[in-house]
Amino acid sequence: MPDVIPPADDLPFTLQPIKDVMVVEFRAPSLMDAVVLDKTGQRLYHLIEKEDRRKIILDFSSVQYVSSQAIGIIVNMNKKLGALKGKMILCGIGPRLQELLRITRLDKVLIIKPTQADAEKVFLL
């Protein structure tokens, strides 16, 4: 099994590099706290801007609730990666987040796969 980078104490996710793909696995059931999300956004943007990650999977399997701030981070990551010819895939989307993405029409813009394994197949083929 690949190394898992443990989360910082105040961040709700772990990082797991698989070859040149970075898997961001959210562990918290709720992504609503503004202070935590500020730090989350900074760390995730750092993956793209400073660590040159161009293939990112966001796994929301454990997440039930997200704020508009969390949606903003997802949209910004997608824009940053698109400008750099990178790609981001969301997976493990529960019913609430799926409905939110549908209402905002982000389901037409973002790449969404049912499971992390399905997302990995896109990158590792």
Protein backbone atom coordinates (compact mmCIF):
# COMPACT_ATOMS: atom_id res chain seq x y z
CA MET A 1 0.00 0.00 0.00
CA PRO A 2 1.36 3.46 -0.85
CA ASP A 3 2.44 5.81 1.90
CA VAL A 4 -0.31 7.91 3.42
CA ILE A 5 0.63 11.39 4.55
CA PRO A 6 -1.24 11.91 7.84
CA PRO A 7 -3.39 14.99 8.18
CA ALA A 8 -2.19 18.02 10.04
CA ASP A 9 -4.06 18.26 13.32
CA ASP A 10 -6.35 20.96 12.00
CA LEU A 11 -6.98 19.65 8.48
CA PRO A 12 -9.85 17.27 7.67
CA PHE A 13 -8.06 15.09 5.11
CA THR A 14 -5.18 12.76 4.42
CA LEU A 15 -2.95 12.78 1.36
CA GLN A 16 -2.01 9.58 -0.43
CA PRO A 17 0.33 9.76 -3.41
CA ILE A 18 -0.19 6.99 -5.96
CA LYS A 19 2.48 7.37 -8.65
CA ASP A 20 1.92 10.89 -10.02
CA VAL A 21 -1.64 11.12 -8.66
CA MET A 22 -2.40 12.75 -5.29
CA VAL A 23 -5.46 11.37 -3.54
CA VAL A 24 -7.03 13.76 -1.04
CA GLU A 25 -9.28 11.73 1.22
CA PHE A 26 -11.57 13.85 3.36
CA ARG A 27 -12.13 12.29 6.79
CA ALA A 28 -14.59 14.73 8.36
CA PRO A 29 -18.34 14.27 7.85
CA SER A 30 -18.75 18.04 7.62
CA LEU A 31 -16.77 20.62 5.67
CA MET A 32 -18.43 23.69 7.14
CA ASP A 33 -15.94 25.42 9.48
CA ALA A 34 -14.61 28.61 7.86
CA VAL A 35 -11.27 28.61 9.68
CA VAL A 36 -10.59 24.96 8.88
CA LEU A 37 -11.62 25.52 5.27
CA ASP A 38 -9.27 28.50 4.93
CA LYS A 39 -6.39 26.23 5.95
CA THR A 40 -7.73 23.40 3.79
CA GLY A 41 -7.82 25.65 0.74
CA GLN A 42 -4.29 26.90 1.38
CA ARG A 43 -2.95 23.34 1.65
CA LEU A 44 -4.80 22.10 -1.42
CA TYR A 45 -3.72 25.10 -3.51
CA HIS A 46 -0.16 24.43 -2.32
CA LEU A 47 -0.36 20.96 -3.90
CA ILE A 48 -0.97 22.59 -7.26
CA GLU A 49 1.12 25.75 -7.03
CA LYS A 50 4.18 24.64 -5.07
CA GLU A 51 4.28 20.84 -5.32
CA ASP A 52 3.38 20.81 -9.03
CA ARG A 53 0.64 18.23 -8.63
CA ARG A 54 -1.36 18.02 -11.85
CA LYS A 55 -3.49 14.94 -11.15
CA ILE A 56 -5.67 15.15 -8.05
CA ILE A 57 -8.49 12.96 -6.77
CA LEU A 58 -10.80 14.40 -4.11
CA ASP A 59 -12.51 11.55 -2.24
CA PHE A 60 -15.65 12.66 -0.40
CA SER A 61 -16.73 9.19 0.79
CA SER A 62 -16.86 10.29 4.45
CA VAL A 63 -18.42 13.71 3.81
CA GLN A 64 -22.10 14.45 4.32
CA TYR A 65 -22.19 18.26 4.45
CA VAL A 66 -20.24 20.94 2.60
CA SER A 67 -20.42 24.71 2.73
CA SER A 68 -20.35 27.13 -0.18
CA GLN A 69 -16.78 27.91 0.87
CA ALA A 70 -15.84 24.24 0.30
CA ILE A 71 -17.52 24.34 -3.12
CA GLY A 72 -15.49 27.47 -3.89
CA ILE A 73 -12.27 25.62 -3.08
CA ILE A 74 -13.25 22.81 -5.45
CA VAL A 75 -14.07 25.27 -8.23
CA ASN A 76 -10.81 27.20 -7.70
CA MET A 77 -8.76 24.00 -7.72
CA ASN A 78 -10.43 22.95 -10.97
CA LYS A 79 -9.64 26.34 -12.55
CA LYS A 80 -6.01 26.28 -11.37
CA LEU A 81 -5.50 22.75 -12.67
CA GLY A 82 -7.23 23.51 -15.96
CA ALA A 83 -4.92 26.46 -16.57
CA LEU A 84 -1.94 24.14 -16.04
CA LYS A 85 -3.33 21.32 -18.21
CA GLY A 86 -3.99 19.29 -15.07
CA LYS A 87 -7.05 17.32 -14.05
CA MET A 88 -9.08 16.80 -10.90
CA ILE A 89 -11.61 14.04 -10.29
CA LEU A 90 -14.16 13.94 -7.49
CA CYS A 91 -15.36 10.61 -6.13
CA GLY A 92 -17.37 9.15 -3.28
CA ILE A 93 -20.01 11.84 -3.69
CA GLY A 94 -22.96 11.31 -1.35
CA PRO A 95 -26.56 12.27 -2.12
CA ARG A 96 -26.42 15.73 -0.50
CA LEU A 97 -23.25 16.79 -2.28
CA GLN A 98 -24.47 15.25 -5.53
CA GLU A 99 -27.66 17.31 -5.30
CA LEU A 100 -25.69 20.48 -4.54
CA LEU A 101 -23.43 19.89 -7.54
CA ARG A 102 -26.50 19.26 -9.71
CA ILE A 103 -28.28 22.43 -8.54
CA THR A 104 -25.17 24.55 -9.17
CA ARG A 105 -24.61 22.72 -12.49
CA LEU A 106 -21.07 21.90 -11.40
CA ASP A 107 -21.83 18.27 -12.22
CA LYS A 108 -21.55 19.37 -15.86
CA VAL A 109 -18.11 20.96 -15.32
CA LEU A 110 -16.39 18.66 -12.85
CA ILE A 111 -15.29 15.09 -13.48
CA ILE A 112 -17.11 12.81 -11.04
CA LYS A 113 -16.59 9.07 -10.61
CA PRO A 114 -18.41 6.73 -8.21
CA THR A 115 -15.35 5.41 -6.36
CA GLN A 116 -11.70 6.18 -5.79
CA ALA A 117 -10.78 3.07 -7.78
CA ASP A 118 -12.80 4.39 -10.74
CA ALA A 119 -11.04 7.76 -10.48
CA GLU A 120 -7.61 6.13 -10.30
CA LYS A 121 -8.34 4.17 -13.49
CA VAL A 122 -8.78 7.44 -15.39
CA PHE A 123 -5.29 8.60 -14.40
CA LEU A 124 -3.41 5.32 -14.33
CA LEU A 125 -4.45 3.94 -17.73
